[in-house]
Amino acid sequence: MKKVALTVAVLALGLAACNKQDAANNTADTNVENAAVTDTNAAADDATANADAALNSAGNAVDNAGNAVDNASNAVANTTNAQ
């Protein structure tokens, strides 16, 4: 009888140790998912900001090139008019 009682006690402890803690696991999973979403959103925001900065830079370069052409044209006109 002692052997049966000991076996039952060991089995009960084993089952208690393996008891699922769904709430804790769900919370941990949710925290991981939220962190992943936050990281993804931050990366997307950074990519958008970098793309905007690159487009602004390219636009400024085009404007500067246009201004250089205008200046060169004015210089030619001024030289022609001076003669």
PDB file of N, CA and C in Angstrom:
ATOM      1  N   MET A   1       0.826  -1.192   0.000  1.00  0.00           N
ATOM      2  CA  MET A   1       0.000   0.000   0.000  1.00  0.00           C
ATOM      3  C   MET A   1       0.864   1.248   0.000  1.00  0.00           C
ATOM      4  N   LYS A   2       1.993   1.202   0.698  1.00  0.00           N
ATOM      5  CA  LYS A   2       2.887   2.364   0.722  1.00  0.00           C
ATOM      6  C   LYS A   2       3.442   2.645  -0.671  1.00  0.00           C
ATOM      7  N   LYS A   3       3.713   1.574  -1.407  1.00  0.00           N
ATOM      8  CA  LYS A   3       4.253   1.723  -2.743  1.00  0.00           C
ATOM      9  C   LYS A   3       3.239   2.430  -3.656  1.00  0.00           C
ATOM     10  N   VAL A   4       1.968   2.079  -3.537  1.00  0.00           N
ATOM     11  CA  VAL A   4       0.910   2.693  -4.337  1.00  0.00           C
ATOM     12  C   VAL A   4       0.749   4.161  -3.949  1.00  0.00           C
ATOM     13  N   ALA A   5       0.784   4.439  -2.660  1.00  0.00           N
ATOM     14  CA  ALA A   5       0.623   5.814  -2.190  1.00  0.00           C
ATOM     15  C   ALA A   5       1.778   6.670  -2.677  1.00  0.00           C
ATOM     16  N   LEU A   6       3.000   6.139  -2.628  1.00  0.00           N
ATOM     17  CA  LEU A   6       4.173   6.858  -3.085  1.00  0.00           C
ATOM     18  C   LEU A   6       4.090   7.113  -4.592  1.00  0.00           C
ATOM     19  N   THR A   7       3.650   6.106  -5.337  1.00  0.00           N
ATOM     20  CA  THR A   7       3.514   6.253  -6.791  1.00  0.00           C
ATOM     21  C   THR A   7       2.481   7.324  -7.125  1.00  0.00           C
ATOM     22  N   VAL A   8       1.373   7.324  -6.422  1.00  0.00           N
ATOM     23  CA  VAL A   8       0.323   8.327  -6.649  1.00  0.00           C
ATOM     24  C   VAL A   8       0.844   9.711  -6.312  1.00  0.00           C
ATOM     25  N   ALA A   9       1.616   9.829  -5.222  1.00  0.00           N
ATOM     26  CA  ALA A   9       2.167  11.128  -4.834  1.00  0.00           C
ATOM     27  C   ALA A   9       3.141  11.641  -5.884  1.00  0.00           C
ATOM     28  N   VAL A  10       3.993  10.761  -6.383  1.00  0.00           N
ATOM     29  CA  VAL A  10       4.958  11.159  -7.416  1.00  0.00           C
ATOM     30  C   VAL A  10       4.221  11.571  -8.682  1.00  0.00           C
ATOM     31  N   LEU A  11       3.222  10.821  -9.084  1.00  0.00           N
ATOM     32  CA  LEU A  11       2.448  11.177 -10.264  1.00  0.00           C
ATOM     33  C   LEU A  11       1.722  12.513 -10.078  1.00  0.00           C
ATOM     34  N   ALA A  12       1.201  12.759  -8.905  1.00  0.00           N
ATOM     35  CA  ALA A  12       0.494  14.016  -8.638  1.00  0.00           C
ATOM     36  C   ALA A  12       1.465  15.191  -8.718  1.00  0.00           C
ATOM     37  N   LEU A  13       2.651  15.019  -8.150  1.00  0.00           N
ATOM     38  CA  LEU A  13       3.658  16.087  -8.225  1.00  0.00           C
ATOM     39  C   LEU A  13       4.089  16.322  -9.677  1.00  0.00           C
ATOM     40  N   GLY A  14       4.236  15.238 -10.415  1.00  0.00           N
ATOM     41  CA  GLY A  14       4.612  15.363 -11.824  1.00  0.00           C
ATOM     42  C   GLY A  14       3.560  16.110 -12.619  1.00  0.00           C
ATOM     43  N   LEU A  15       2.297  15.792 -12.371  1.00  0.00           N
ATOM     44  CA  LEU A  15       1.212  16.487 -13.068  1.00  0.00           C
ATOM     45  C   LEU A  15       1.139  17.952 -12.649  1.00  0.00           C
ATOM     46  N   ALA A  16       1.387  18.219 -11.382  1.00  0.00           N
ATOM     47  CA  ALA A  16       1.364  19.604 -10.908  1.00  0.00           C
ATOM     48  C   ALA A  16       2.481  20.410 -11.568  1.00  0.00           C
ATOM     49  N   ALA A  17       3.631  19.783 -11.733  1.00  0.00           N
ATOM     50  CA  ALA A  17       4.759  20.470 -12.356  1.00  0.00           C
ATOM     51  C   ALA A  17       4.497  20.737 -13.836  1.00  0.00           C
ATOM     52  N   CYS A  18       3.725  19.893 -14.472  1.00  0.00           N
ATOM     53  CA  CYS A  18       3.439  20.047 -15.901  1.00  0.00           C
ATOM     54  C   CYS A  18       2.160  20.824 -16.157  1.00  0.00           C
ATOM     55  N   ASN A  19       1.545  21.312 -15.097  1.00  0.00           N
ATOM     56  CA  ASN A  19       0.282  22.028 -15.245  1.00  0.00           C
ATOM     57  C   ASN A  19       0.472  23.225 -16.162  1.00  0.00           C
ATOM     58  N   LYS A  20      -0.404  23.354 -17.163  1.00  0.00           N
ATOM     59  CA  LYS A  20      -0.313  24.468 -18.099  1.00  0.00           C
ATOM     60  C   LYS A  20      -0.707  25.760 -17.393  1.00  0.00           C
ATOM     61  N   GLN A  21       0.003  26.793 -17.718  1.00  0.00           N
ATOM     62  CA  GLN A  21      -0.347  28.111 -17.212  1.00  0.00           C
ATOM     63  C   GLN A  21      -0.681  28.971 -18.423  1.00  0.00           C
ATOM     64  N   ASP A  22      -1.869  28.706 -18.952  1.00  0.00           N
ATOM     65  CA  ASP A  22      -2.281  29.359 -20.194  1.00  0.00           C
ATOM     66  C   ASP A  22      -2.277  30.880 -20.088  1.00  0.00           C
ATOM     67  N   ALA A  23      -2.758  31.409 -18.954  1.00  0.00           N
ATOM     68  CA  ALA A  23      -2.825  32.868 -18.818  1.00  0.00           C
ATOM     69  C   ALA A  23      -1.436  33.483 -18.889  1.00  0.00           C
ATOM     70  N   ALA A  24      -0.488  32.888 -18.177  1.00  0.00           N
ATOM     71  CA  ALA A  24       0.881  33.415 -18.185  1.00  0.00           C
ATOM     72  C   ALA A  24       1.508  33.266 -19.560  1.00  0.00           C
ATOM     73  N   ASN A  25       1.266  32.121 -20.195  1.00  0.00           N
ATOM     74  CA  ASN A  25       1.806  31.902 -21.532  1.00  0.00           C
ATOM     75  C   ASN A  25       1.188  32.865 -22.544  1.00  0.00           C
ATOM     76  N   ASN A  26      -0.113  33.085 -22.420  1.00  0.00           N
ATOM     77  CA  ASN A  26      -0.781  34.012 -23.335  1.00  0.00           C
ATOM     78  C   ASN A  26      -0.255  35.428 -23.153  1.00  0.00           C
ATOM     79  N   THR A  27      -0.023  35.819 -21.909  1.00  0.00           N
ATOM     80  CA  THR A  27       0.522  37.149 -21.638  1.00  0.00           C
ATOM     81  C   THR A  27       1.912  37.282 -22.229  1.00  0.00           C
ATOM     82  N   ALA A  28       2.730  36.270 -22.045  1.00  0.00           N
ATOM     83  CA  ALA A  28       4.085  36.307 -22.598  1.00  0.00           C
ATOM     84  C   ALA A  28       4.043  36.373 -24.120  1.00  0.00           C
ATOM     85  N   ASP A  29       3.171  35.580 -24.724  1.00  0.00           N
ATOM     86  CA  ASP A  29       3.034  35.603 -26.184  1.00  0.00           C
ATOM     87  C   ASP A  29       2.567  36.970 -26.673  1.00  0.00           C
ATOM     88  N   THR A  30       1.603  37.541 -25.962  1.00  0.00           N
ATOM     89  CA  THR A  30       1.086  38.857 -26.339  1.00  0.00           C
ATOM     90  C   THR A  30       2.176  39.908 -26.233  1.00  0.00           C
ATOM     91  N   ASN A  31       2.980  39.829 -25.173  1.00  0.00           N
ATOM     92  CA  ASN A  31       4.063  40.797 -24.998  1.00  0.00           C
ATOM     93  C   ASN A  31       5.080  40.693 -26.133  1.00  0.00           C
ATOM     94  N   VAL A  32       5.394  39.475 -26.526  1.00  0.00           N
ATOM     95  CA  VAL A  32       6.340  39.274 -27.629  1.00  0.00           C
ATOM     96  C   VAL A  32       5.751  39.821 -28.929  1.00  0.00           C
ATOM     97  N   GLU A  33       4.480  39.537 -29.163  1.00  0.00           N
ATOM     98  CA  GLU A  33       3.840  40.023 -30.389  1.00  0.00           C
ATOM     99  C   GLU A  33       3.773  41.548 -30.393  1.00  0.00           C
ATOM    100  N   ASN A  34       3.447  42.146 -29.253  1.00  0.00           N
ATOM    101  CA  ASN A  34       3.380  43.605 -29.178  1.00  0.00           C
ATOM    102  C   ASN A  34       4.749  44.228 -29.423  1.00  0.00           C
ATOM    103  N   ALA A  35       5.776  43.613 -28.879  1.00  0.00           N
ATOM    104  CA  ALA A  35       7.132  44.121 -29.095  1.00  0.00           C
ATOM    105  C   ALA A  35       7.512  44.017 -30.567  1.00  0.00           C
ATOM    106  N   ALA A  36       7.120  42.934 -31.186  1.00  0.00           N
ATOM    107  CA  ALA A  36       7.420  42.759 -32.610  1.00  0.00           C
ATOM    108  C   ALA A  36       6.684  43.798 -33.450  1.00  0.00           C
ATOM    109  N   VAL A  37       5.433  44.065 -33.108  1.00  0.00           N
ATOM    110  CA  VAL A  37       4.662  45.081 -33.837  1.00  0.00           C
ATOM    111  C   VAL A  37       5.294  46.449 -33.643  1.00  0.00           C
ATOM    112  N   THR A  38       5.703  46.748 -32.422  1.00  0.00           N
ATOM    113  CA  THR A  38       6.342  48.035 -32.141  1.00  0.00           C
ATOM    114  C   THR A  38       7.623  48.182 -32.936  1.00  0.00           C
ATOM    115  N   ASP A  39       8.440  47.137 -32.963  1.00  0.00           N
ATOM    116  CA  ASP A  39       9.691  47.178 -33.721  1.00  0.00           C
ATOM    117  C   ASP A  39       9.421  47.343 -35.214  1.00  0.00           C
ATOM    118  N   THR A  40       8.413  46.637 -35.709  1.00  0.00           N
ATOM    119  CA  THR A  40       8.070  46.725 -37.125  1.00  0.00           C
ATOM    120  C   THR A  40       7.586  48.129 -37.475  1.00  0.00           C
ATOM    121  N   ASN A  41       6.747  48.695 -36.612  1.00  0.00           N
ATOM    122  CA  ASN A  41       6.249  50.053 -36.863  1.00  0.00           C
ATOM    123  C   ASN A  41       7.389  51.066 -36.827  1.00  0.00           C
ATOM    124  N   ALA A  42       8.294  50.905 -35.887  1.00  0.00           N
ATOM    125  CA  ALA A  42       9.433  51.824 -35.799  1.00  0.00           C
ATOM    126  C   ALA A  42      10.300  51.720 -37.045  1.00  0.00           C
ATOM    127  N   ALA A  43      10.518  50.509 -37.512  1.00  0.00           N
ATOM    128  CA  ALA A  43      11.320  50.318 -38.726  1.00  0.00           C
ATOM    129  C   ALA A  43      10.623  50.934 -39.935  1.00  0.00           C
ATOM    130  N   ALA A  44       9.306  50.769 -40.005  1.00  0.00           N
ATOM    131  CA  ALA A  44       8.550  51.352 -41.123  1.00  0.00           C
ATOM    132  C   ALA A  44       8.597  52.872 -41.058  1.00  0.00           C
ATOM    133  N   ASP A  45       8.470  53.417 -39.846  1.00  0.00           N
ATOM    134  CA  ASP A  45       8.548  54.870 -39.691  1.00  0.00           C
ATOM    135  C   ASP A  45       9.925  55.384 -40.096  1.00  0.00           C
ATOM    136  N   ASP A  46      10.979  54.686 -39.688  1.00  0.00           N
ATOM    137  CA  ASP A  46      12.336  55.076 -40.065  1.00  0.00           C
ATOM    138  C   ASP A  46      12.519  55.013 -41.572  1.00  0.00           C
ATOM    139  N   ALA A  47      12.009  53.965 -42.185  1.00  0.00           N
ATOM    140  CA  ALA A  47      12.141  53.815 -43.636  1.00  0.00           C
ATOM    141  C   ALA A  47      11.397  54.935 -44.354  1.00  0.00           C
ATOM    142  N   THR A  48      10.214  55.282 -43.854  1.00  0.00           N
ATOM    143  CA  THR A  48       9.439  56.365 -44.461  1.00  0.00           C
ATOM    144  C   THR A  48      10.165  57.694 -44.313  1.00  0.00           C
ATOM    145  N   ALA A  49      10.695  57.945 -43.127  1.00  0.00           N
ATOM    146  CA  ALA A  49      11.419  59.198 -42.900  1.00  0.00           C
ATOM    147  C   ALA A  49      12.660  59.271 -43.787  1.00  0.00           C
ATOM    148  N   ASN A  50      13.365  58.158 -43.913  1.00  0.00           N
ATOM    149  CA  ASN A  50      14.559  58.138 -44.759  1.00  0.00           C
ATOM    150  C   ASN A  50      14.201  58.330 -46.230  1.00  0.00           C
ATOM    151  N   ALA A  51      13.115  57.725 -46.657  1.00  0.00           N
ATOM    152  CA  ALA A  51      12.678  57.898 -48.047  1.00  0.00           C
ATOM    153  C   ALA A  51      12.276  59.343 -48.307  1.00  0.00           C
ATOM    154  N   ASP A  52      11.563  59.938 -47.345  1.00  0.00           N
ATOM    155  CA  ASP A  52      11.177  61.345 -47.490  1.00  0.00           C
ATOM    156  C   ASP A  52      12.406  62.242 -47.571  1.00  0.00           C
ATOM    157  N   ALA A  53      13.385  61.989 -46.716  1.00  0.00           N
ATOM    158  CA  ALA A  53      14.608  62.791 -46.727  1.00  0.00           C
ATOM    159  C   ALA A  53      15.348  62.632 -48.050  1.00  0.00           C
ATOM    160  N   ALA A  54      15.386  61.410 -48.575  1.00  0.00           N
ATOM    161  CA  ALA A  54      16.063  61.172 -49.853  1.00  0.00           C
ATOM    162  C   ALA A  54      15.334  61.886 -50.990  1.00  0.00           C
ATOM    163  N   LEU A  55      14.007  61.842 -50.970  1.00  0.00           N
ATOM    164  CA  LEU A  55      13.239  62.535 -52.009  1.00  0.00           C
ATOM    165  C   LEU A  55      13.433  64.041 -51.917  1.00  0.00           C
ATOM    166  N   ASN A  56      13.447  64.567 -50.699  1.00  0.00           N
ATOM    167  CA  ASN A  56      13.681  66.004 -50.523  1.00  0.00           C
ATOM    168  C   ASN A  56      15.063  66.388 -51.023  1.00  0.00           C
ATOM    169  N   SER A  57      16.037  65.568 -50.713  1.00  0.00           N
ATOM    170  CA  SER A  57      17.398  65.831 -51.163  1.00  0.00           C
ATOM    171  C   SER A  57      17.486  65.809 -52.683  1.00  0.00           C
ATOM    172  N   ALA A  58      16.848  64.820 -53.288  1.00  0.00           N
ATOM    173  CA  ALA A  58      16.846  64.736 -54.753  1.00  0.00           C
ATOM    174  C   ALA A  58      16.138  65.945 -55.359  1.00  0.00           C
ATOM    175  N   GLY A  59      15.032  66.336 -54.761  1.00  0.00           N
ATOM    176  CA  GLY A  59      14.306  67.519 -55.246  1.00  0.00           C
ATOM    177  C   GLY A  59      15.156  68.770 -55.144  1.00  0.00           C
ATOM    178  N   ASN A  60      15.883  68.901 -54.041  1.00  0.00           N
ATOM    179  CA  ASN A  60      16.771  70.054 -53.881  1.00  0.00           C
ATOM    180  C   ASN A  60      17.881  70.043 -54.918  1.00  0.00           C
ATOM    181  N   ALA A  61      18.408  68.863 -55.209  1.00  0.00           N
ATOM    182  CA  ALA A  61      19.466  68.755 -56.218  1.00  0.00           C
ATOM    183  C   ALA A  61      18.943  69.164 -57.592  1.00  0.00           C
ATOM    184  N   VAL A  62      17.722  68.768 -57.912  1.00  0.00           N
ATOM    185  CA  VAL A  62      17.119  69.154 -59.191  1.00  0.00           C
ATOM    186  C   VAL A  62      16.908  70.667 -59.232  1.00  0.00           C
ATOM    187  N   ASP A  63      16.424  71.226 -58.128  1.00  0.00           N
ATOM    188  CA  ASP A  63      16.240  72.684 -58.066  1.00  0.00           C
ATOM    189  C   ASP A  63      17.570  73.412 -58.243  1.00  0.00           C
ATOM    190  N   ASN A  64      18.598  72.914 -57.576  1.00  0.00           N
ATOM    191  CA  ASN A  64      19.921  73.537 -57.683  1.00  0.00           C
ATOM    192  C   ASN A  64      20.451  73.455 -59.109  1.00  0.00           C
ATOM    193  N   ALA A  65      20.228  72.332 -59.762  1.00  0.00           N
ATOM    194  CA  ALA A  65      20.672  72.188 -61.153  1.00  0.00           C
ATOM    195  C   ALA A  65      19.909  73.162 -62.052  1.00  0.00           C
ATOM    196  N   GLY A  66      18.627  73.302 -61.816  1.00  0.00           N
ATOM    197  CA  GLY A  66      17.826  74.258 -62.584  1.00  0.00           C
ATOM    198  C   GLY A  66      18.319  75.682 -62.374  1.00  0.00           C
ATOM    199  N   ASN A  67      18.658  76.011 -61.135  1.00  0.00           N
ATOM    200  CA  ASN A  67      19.192  77.345 -60.841  1.00  0.00           C
ATOM    201  C   ASN A  67      20.529  77.558 -61.531  1.00  0.00           C
ATOM    202  N   ALA A  68      21.357  76.536 -61.569  1.00  0.00           N
ATOM    203  CA  ALA A  68      22.655  76.647 -62.239  1.00  0.00           C
ATOM    204  C   ALA A  68      22.476  76.894 -63.729  1.00  0.00           C
ATOM    205  N   VAL A  69      21.500  76.226 -64.327  1.00  0.00           N
ATOM    206  CA  VAL A  69      21.211  76.439 -65.750  1.00  0.00           C
ATOM    207  C   VAL A  69      20.717  77.865 -65.965  1.00  0.00           C
ATOM    208  N   ASP A  70      19.834  78.335 -65.116  1.00  0.00           N
ATOM    209  CA  ASP A  70      19.338  79.710 -65.224  1.00  0.00           C
ATOM    210  C   ASP A  70      20.481  80.714 -65.096  1.00  0.00           C
ATOM    211  N   ASN A  71      21.357  80.476 -64.135  1.00  0.00           N
ATOM    212  CA  ASN A  71      22.497  81.380 -63.928  1.00  0.00           C
ATOM    213  C   ASN A  71      23.414  81.391 -65.146  1.00  0.00           C
ATOM    214  N   ALA A  72      23.658  80.224 -65.700  1.00  0.00           N
ATOM    215  CA  ALA A  72      24.511  80.144 -66.887  1.00  0.00           C
ATOM    216  C   ALA A  72      23.859  80.865 -68.068  1.00  0.00           C
ATOM    217  N   SER A  73      22.575  80.691 -68.199  1.00  0.00           N
ATOM    218  CA  SER A  73      21.834  81.361 -69.269  1.00  0.00           C
ATOM    219  C   SER A  73      21.889  82.877 -69.100  1.00  0.00           C
ATOM    220  N   ASN A  74      21.722  83.337 -67.871  1.00  0.00           N
ATOM    221  CA  ASN A  74      21.797  84.772 -67.585  1.00  0.00           C
ATOM    222  C   ASN A  74      23.195  85.312 -67.866  1.00  0.00           C
ATOM    223  N   ALA A  75      24.196  84.530 -67.521  1.00  0.00           N
ATOM    224  CA  ALA A  75      25.577  84.965 -67.770  1.00  0.00           C
ATOM    225  C   ALA A  75      25.831  85.121 -69.267  1.00  0.00           C
ATOM    226  N   VAL A  76      25.330  84.169 -70.044  1.00  0.00           N
ATOM    227  CA  VAL A  76      25.483  84.263 -71.506  1.00  0.00           C
ATOM    228  C   VAL A  76      24.735  85.491 -72.019  1.00  0.00           C
ATOM    229  N   ALA A  77      23.524  85.710 -71.550  1.00  0.00           N
ATOM    230  CA  ALA A  77      22.737  86.859 -71.991  1.00  0.00           C
ATOM    231  C   ALA A  77      23.437  88.160 -71.611  1.00  0.00           C
ATOM    232  N   ASN A  78      23.974  88.215 -70.402  1.00  0.00           N
ATOM    233  CA  ASN A  78      24.657  89.432 -69.951  1.00  0.00           C
ATOM    234  C   ASN A  78      25.903  89.685 -70.786  1.00  0.00           C
ATOM    235  N   THR A  79      26.619  88.631 -71.128  1.00  0.00           N
ATOM    236  CA  THR A  79      27.819  88.792 -71.943  1.00  0.00           C
ATOM    237  C   THR A  79      27.437  89.278 -73.341  1.00  0.00           C
ATOM    238  N   THR A  80      26.374  88.727 -73.883  1.00  0.00           N
ATOM    239  CA  THR A  80      25.924  89.114 -75.219  1.00  0.00           C
ATOM    240  C   THR A  80      25.460  90.561 -75.238  1.00  0.00           C
ATOM    241  N   ASN A  81      24.728  90.951 -74.207  1.00  0.00           N
ATOM    242  CA  ASN A  81      24.207  92.331 -74.126  1.00  0.00           C
ATOM    243  C   ASN A  81      25.323  93.333 -73.875  1.00  0.00           C
ATOM    244  N   ALA A  82      26.377  92.935 -73.225  1.00  0.00           N
ATOM    245  CA  ALA A  82      27.474  93.846 -72.903  1.00  0.00           C
ATOM    246  C   ALA A  82      28.300  94.197 -74.132  1.00  0.00           C
ATOM    247  N   GLN A  83      28.234  93.370 -75.135  1.00  0.00           N
ATOM    248  CA  GLN A  83      29.064  93.616 -76.341  1.00  0.00           C
ATOM    249  C   GLN A  83      28.406  94.484 -77.323  1.00  0.00           C
TER     250      GLN A  83
END
